[in-house]
């Protein structure tokens, strides 16, 4: 197998198109924060499998 064929196969492993990524994001579950306003800002609550960081001035 030629080096460029190997590189091409390695690049495509785990690749997703935009539609698949959007579908996966829309099907993810959310954890409620208990605040309707904060849930709205976060797009439905805290997304599972993601890091959510919230900051505010002291």
N, C-alpha and C. Protein backbone atom coordinates (compact mmCIF):
# COMPACT_ATOMS: atom_id res chain seq x y z
N UNK A 1 0.85 -1.18 0.00
CA UNK A 1 0.00 0.00 0.00
C UNK A 1 0.90 1.24 0.00
N UNK A 2 0.56 2.20 -0.84
CA UNK A 2 1.35 3.42 -0.97
C UNK A 2 1.16 4.31 0.26
N UNK A 3 2.20 5.09 0.61
CA UNK A 3 2.10 5.96 1.80
C UNK A 3 0.90 6.91 1.75
N UNK A 4 0.58 7.44 0.57
CA UNK A 4 -0.56 8.37 0.51
C UNK A 4 -1.89 7.64 0.74
N UNK A 5 -1.99 6.37 0.38
CA UNK A 5 -3.21 5.59 0.65
C UNK A 5 -3.35 5.34 2.15
N UNK A 6 -2.24 5.05 2.81
CA UNK A 6 -2.25 4.84 4.26
C UNK A 6 -2.68 6.13 4.96
N UNK A 7 -2.11 7.26 4.54
CA UNK A 7 -2.45 8.55 5.15
C UNK A 7 -3.93 8.86 4.95
N UNK A 8 -4.44 8.59 3.76
CA UNK A 8 -5.86 8.86 3.48
C UNK A 8 -6.76 8.03 4.38
N UNK A 9 -6.43 6.76 4.59
CA UNK A 9 -7.25 5.91 5.46
C UNK A 9 -7.20 6.40 6.90
N UNK A 10 -6.02 6.82 7.37
CA UNK A 10 -5.89 7.32 8.73
C UNK A 10 -6.68 8.61 8.94
N UNK A 11 -6.70 9.48 7.94
CA UNK A 11 -7.43 10.73 8.06
C UNK A 11 -8.94 10.51 8.13
N UNK A 12 -9.44 9.50 7.45
CA UNK A 12 -10.87 9.28 7.39
C UNK A 12 -11.42 8.50 8.58
N UNK A 13 -10.56 7.89 9.37
CA UNK A 13 -11.05 7.12 10.52
C UNK A 13 -11.68 8.08 11.53
N UNK A 14 -12.91 7.83 11.87
CA UNK A 14 -13.60 8.65 12.86
C UNK A 14 -14.14 9.97 12.32
N UNK A 15 -14.00 10.22 11.03
CA UNK A 15 -14.50 11.47 10.46
C UNK A 15 -16.02 11.45 10.40
N UNK A 16 -16.64 12.63 10.60
CA UNK A 16 -18.09 12.77 10.53
C UNK A 16 -18.42 13.94 9.62
N UNK A 17 -19.53 13.83 8.92
CA UNK A 17 -19.95 14.99 8.15
C UNK A 17 -20.80 15.89 9.05
N UNK A 18 -21.10 17.09 8.58
CA UNK A 18 -21.81 18.08 9.40
C UNK A 18 -23.20 17.61 9.80
N UNK A 19 -23.91 16.90 8.91
CA UNK A 19 -25.26 16.44 9.23
C UNK A 19 -25.23 15.43 10.38
N UNK A 20 -24.24 14.53 10.35
CA UNK A 20 -24.12 13.55 11.43
C UNK A 20 -23.80 14.23 12.75
N UNK A 21 -22.94 15.24 12.70
CA UNK A 21 -22.58 15.97 13.92
C UNK A 21 -23.80 16.70 14.49
N UNK A 22 -24.59 17.34 13.62
CA UNK A 22 -25.78 18.06 14.07
C UNK A 22 -26.79 17.10 14.66
N UNK A 23 -27.00 15.97 14.00
CA UNK A 23 -27.95 14.97 14.49
C UNK A 23 -27.53 14.45 15.86
N UNK A 24 -26.24 14.20 16.02
CA UNK A 24 -25.73 13.71 17.31
C UNK A 24 -25.92 14.76 18.40
N UNK A 25 -25.65 16.02 18.08
CA UNK A 25 -25.80 17.09 19.06
C UNK A 25 -27.26 17.25 19.47
N UNK A 26 -28.18 17.16 18.53
CA UNK A 26 -29.60 17.34 18.83
C UNK A 26 -30.16 16.18 19.64
N UNK A 27 -29.56 15.01 19.54
CA UNK A 27 -30.08 13.85 20.26
C UNK A 27 -29.45 13.69 21.64
N UNK A 28 -28.48 14.55 21.99
CA UNK A 28 -27.84 14.45 23.30
C UNK A 28 -28.81 14.87 24.40
N UNK A 29 -28.65 14.26 25.53
CA UNK A 29 -29.49 14.58 26.68
C UNK A 29 -28.92 15.81 27.41
N UNK A 30 -29.80 16.49 28.13
CA UNK A 30 -29.41 17.67 28.90
C UNK A 30 -29.78 17.45 30.36
N UNK A 31 -29.00 18.02 31.24
CA UNK A 31 -29.29 17.99 32.67
C UNK A 31 -29.80 19.38 33.04
N UNK A 32 -30.95 19.45 33.68
CA UNK A 32 -31.52 20.74 34.04
C UNK A 32 -30.69 21.39 35.15
N UNK A 33 -30.64 22.70 35.11
CA UNK A 33 -29.94 23.45 36.16
C UNK A 33 -30.90 23.86 37.27
N UNK A 34 -32.19 23.69 37.02
CA UNK A 34 -33.19 24.15 37.98
C UNK A 34 -33.64 25.58 37.72
N UNK A 35 -32.99 26.24 36.78
CA UNK A 35 -33.33 27.61 36.42
C UNK A 35 -33.74 27.65 34.95
N UNK A 36 -34.97 28.05 34.69
CA UNK A 36 -35.45 28.13 33.31
C UNK A 36 -34.63 29.08 32.46
N UNK A 37 -34.25 30.23 33.04
CA UNK A 37 -33.45 31.21 32.30
C UNK A 37 -32.07 30.65 31.95
N UNK A 38 -31.41 30.02 32.93
CA UNK A 38 -30.08 29.46 32.68
C UNK A 38 -30.16 28.30 31.69
N UNK A 39 -31.18 27.48 31.81
CA UNK A 39 -31.36 26.39 30.84
C UNK A 39 -31.51 26.96 29.43
N UNK A 40 -32.25 28.06 29.30
CA UNK A 40 -32.42 28.70 28.00
C UNK A 40 -31.11 29.22 27.43
N UNK A 41 -30.31 29.84 28.28
CA UNK A 41 -29.01 30.35 27.85
C UNK A 41 -28.11 29.20 27.39
N UNK A 42 -28.19 28.07 28.09
CA UNK A 42 -27.34 26.92 27.76
C UNK A 42 -27.91 26.05 26.66
N UNK A 43 -29.06 26.42 26.12
CA UNK A 43 -29.64 25.63 25.03
C UNK A 43 -30.34 24.38 25.53
N UNK A 44 -30.98 24.47 26.68
CA UNK A 44 -31.75 23.33 27.19
C UNK A 44 -31.20 22.75 28.48
N UNK A 45 -30.14 23.28 28.98
CA UNK A 45 -29.51 22.76 30.19
C UNK A 45 -28.06 22.39 29.92
N UNK A 46 -27.47 21.68 30.86
CA UNK A 46 -26.08 21.26 30.71
C UNK A 46 -26.04 20.04 29.81
N UNK A 47 -25.25 20.12 28.75
CA UNK A 47 -25.15 19.02 27.78
C UNK A 47 -24.31 17.89 28.36
N UNK A 48 -24.81 16.67 28.26
CA UNK A 48 -24.04 15.50 28.67
C UNK A 48 -22.87 15.30 27.71
N UNK A 49 -21.79 14.75 28.19
CA UNK A 49 -20.57 14.47 27.41
C UNK A 49 -19.86 15.74 26.96
N UNK A 50 -20.12 16.86 27.61
CA UNK A 50 -19.45 18.12 27.27
C UNK A 50 -19.05 18.83 28.56
N UNK A 51 -18.10 19.72 28.45
CA UNK A 51 -17.68 20.54 29.58
C UNK A 51 -18.45 21.85 29.51
N UNK A 52 -19.07 22.23 30.61
CA UNK A 52 -19.80 23.49 30.68
C UNK A 52 -19.16 24.33 31.78
N UNK A 53 -18.72 25.52 31.42
CA UNK A 53 -18.08 26.41 32.39
C UNK A 53 -18.92 27.67 32.50
N UNK A 54 -19.23 28.05 33.72
CA UNK A 54 -20.05 29.24 33.96
C UNK A 54 -19.25 30.16 34.87
N UNK A 55 -19.14 31.41 34.49
CA UNK A 55 -18.40 32.37 35.30
C UNK A 55 -19.23 33.63 35.51
N UNK A 56 -18.91 34.34 36.57
CA UNK A 56 -19.59 35.60 36.87
C UNK A 56 -18.66 36.46 37.70
N UNK A 57 -18.83 37.77 37.64
CA UNK A 57 -17.99 38.64 38.47
C UNK A 57 -18.33 38.47 39.94
N UNK A 58 -17.35 38.70 40.78
CA UNK A 58 -17.58 38.60 42.24
C UNK A 58 -18.17 39.86 42.77
